């Protein structure tokens, strides 16, 4: 049985940082197609849309790379691994879709907030020199 200290040490050894809560976080679980349980992998839906889009793009690039390997391979061994490859591709696709949707929602929120800020600035009395 692991004690909390040994778990923390293991996390530090792997280069992972402990989760820090901040007011700019809203963790939403990835969809069931990405994970077997809803309490393991999460997206911070309050992250900047650019960060979410970049994470989605990384997964889509990985998908494209794997598909190119499949397309160019003539190895019989690869054909036998099709189910495992399809599973990996499915996970990447599900992650990319969830990240892309979160990025789109976040960009809409950012645009709405920017629009509200412009309206607030326009309605506030300007200070003119006396």
Protein backbone atom coordinates (compact mmCIF):
# COMPACT_ATOMS: atom_id res chain seq x y z
CA UNK A 1 0.00 0.00 0.00
CA UNK A 2 1.29 3.44 -0.92
CA UNK A 3 1.33 6.23 1.57
CA UNK A 4 0.48 9.74 0.31
CA UNK A 5 4.15 10.77 0.54
CA UNK A 6 5.28 7.93 -1.74
CA UNK A 7 2.57 8.82 -4.25
CA UNK A 8 3.70 12.46 -4.19
CA UNK A 9 7.30 11.34 -4.66
CA UNK A 10 6.28 9.14 -7.60
CA UNK A 11 4.41 12.02 -9.18
CA UNK A 12 7.45 14.25 -8.76
CA UNK A 13 9.69 11.56 -10.23
CA UNK A 14 7.51 11.34 -13.33
CA UNK A 15 7.74 15.08 -13.81
CA UNK A 16 4.05 15.63 -13.08
CA UNK A 17 2.97 18.53 -10.94
CA UNK A 18 0.24 18.21 -8.35
CA UNK A 19 -3.09 19.71 -9.41
CA UNK A 20 -3.48 23.28 -8.23
CA UNK A 21 -6.91 24.80 -8.04
CA UNK A 22 -7.33 28.32 -9.28
CA UNK A 23 -10.32 30.51 -10.09
CA UNK A 24 -9.49 30.08 -13.79
CA UNK A 25 -10.13 26.34 -13.85
CA UNK A 26 -13.23 24.34 -14.63
CA UNK A 27 -12.35 20.71 -15.16
CA UNK A 28 -14.79 18.75 -17.31
CA UNK A 29 -14.30 15.02 -17.86
CA UNK A 30 -13.42 13.80 -21.34
CA UNK A 31 -16.24 11.86 -23.00
CA UNK A 32 -16.69 8.09 -22.46
CA UNK A 33 -15.11 7.42 -25.86
CA UNK A 34 -11.84 8.80 -24.44
CA UNK A 35 -11.77 6.94 -21.16
CA UNK A 36 -13.44 4.05 -19.40
CA UNK A 37 -14.33 6.15 -16.34
CA UNK A 38 -15.42 9.76 -16.05
CA UNK A 39 -13.10 10.60 -13.18
CA UNK A 40 -9.65 10.27 -14.76
CA UNK A 41 -9.07 12.60 -17.72
CA UNK A 42 -10.30 16.18 -17.72
CA UNK A 43 -10.23 19.34 -19.84
CA UNK A 44 -9.89 22.74 -18.22
CA UNK A 45 -12.72 24.46 -20.09
CA UNK A 46 -11.56 27.82 -18.71
CA UNK A 47 -8.14 27.51 -20.38
CA UNK A 48 -7.50 30.02 -23.15
CA UNK A 49 -9.05 28.91 -26.42
CA UNK A 50 -5.63 29.02 -28.11
CA UNK A 51 -4.32 26.43 -25.63
CA UNK A 52 -7.31 24.16 -26.19
CA UNK A 53 -7.02 24.46 -29.98
CA UNK A 54 -3.29 23.65 -29.81
CA UNK A 55 -3.95 20.51 -27.74
CA UNK A 56 -6.63 19.45 -30.23
CA UNK A 57 -4.27 20.12 -33.13
CA UNK A 58 -1.54 17.99 -31.53
CA UNK A 59 -3.94 15.05 -31.33
CA UNK A 60 -5.17 15.56 -34.88
CA UNK A 61 -1.56 15.66 -36.11
CA UNK A 62 -0.86 12.41 -34.26
CA UNK A 63 -3.94 10.92 -35.92
CA UNK A 64 -2.77 12.04 -39.35
CA UNK A 65 0.71 10.61 -38.72
CA UNK A 66 -0.72 7.23 -37.72
CA UNK A 67 -3.00 7.19 -40.75
CA UNK A 68 -0.05 7.96 -43.04
CA UNK A 69 1.85 5.02 -41.51
CA UNK A 70 -1.12 2.75 -42.14
CA UNK A 71 -1.49 4.05 -45.66
CA UNK A 72 2.15 3.54 -46.59
CA UNK A 73 2.71 0.23 -44.82
CA UNK A 74 2.71 -2.99 -46.77
CA UNK A 75 3.72 -5.10 -43.80
CA UNK A 76 1.54 -8.09 -42.96
CA UNK A 77 2.33 -7.62 -39.28
CA UNK A 78 0.72 -4.18 -39.33
CA UNK A 79 -2.47 -5.63 -40.79
CA UNK A 80 -2.68 -7.97 -37.80
CA UNK A 81 -2.48 -4.99 -35.44
CA UNK A 82 -5.38 -3.14 -37.06
CA UNK A 83 -7.69 -3.46 -34.04
CA UNK A 84 -5.09 -2.00 -31.69
CA UNK A 85 -4.35 0.83 -34.12
CA UNK A 86 -8.06 1.54 -34.56
CA UNK A 87 -8.42 1.75 -30.78
CA UNK A 88 -5.52 4.21 -30.50
CA UNK A 89 -6.90 6.28 -33.36
CA UNK A 90 -10.32 6.32 -31.73
CA UNK A 91 -8.89 7.62 -28.45
CA UNK A 92 -6.96 10.37 -30.19
CA UNK A 93 -10.01 11.34 -32.23
CA UNK A 94 -12.27 11.47 -29.17
CA UNK A 95 -9.74 13.63 -27.30
CA UNK A 96 -9.32 15.94 -30.28
CA UNK A 97 -13.08 16.31 -30.71
CA UNK A 98 -13.59 17.10 -27.01
CA UNK A 99 -10.73 19.61 -27.01
CA UNK A 100 -11.92 21.22 -30.21
CA UNK A 101 -15.45 21.62 -28.84
CA UNK A 102 -14.10 23.07 -25.57
CA UNK A 103 -11.89 25.46 -27.53
CA UNK A 104 -14.82 26.61 -29.64
CA UNK A 105 -17.00 27.18 -26.56
CA UNK A 106 -14.16 29.02 -24.83
CA UNK A 107 -13.53 31.24 -27.86
CA UNK A 108 -17.23 32.17 -27.85
CA UNK A 109 -16.99 33.06 -24.14
CA UNK A 110 -13.83 35.12 -24.78
CA UNK A 111 -15.52 37.02 -27.63
CA UNK A 112 -18.59 37.64 -25.48
CA UNK A 113 -16.44 38.88 -22.59
CA UNK A 114 -14.46 41.15 -24.95
CA UNK A 115 -17.71 42.54 -26.36
CA UNK A 116 -19.03 43.24 -22.87
CA UNK A 117 -15.76 44.96 -21.93
CA UNK A 118 -15.97 47.20 -25.01
CA UNK A 119 -19.57 48.10 -24.15
CA UNK A 120 -18.58 48.85 -20.54
CA UNK A 121 -15.69 51.03 -21.69
CA UNK A 122 -17.97 52.92 -24.11
CA UNK A 123 -20.58 53.55 -21.41
CA UNK A 124 -18.19 54.69 -18.69
CA UNK A 125 -17.79 58.42 -18.33
CA UNK A 126 -14.52 59.65 -19.73
CA UNK A 127 -12.39 61.88 -17.69
CA UNK A 128 -11.68 65.14 -19.43
CA UNK A 129 -9.22 67.72 -18.18
CA UNK A 130 -10.84 70.59 -16.32
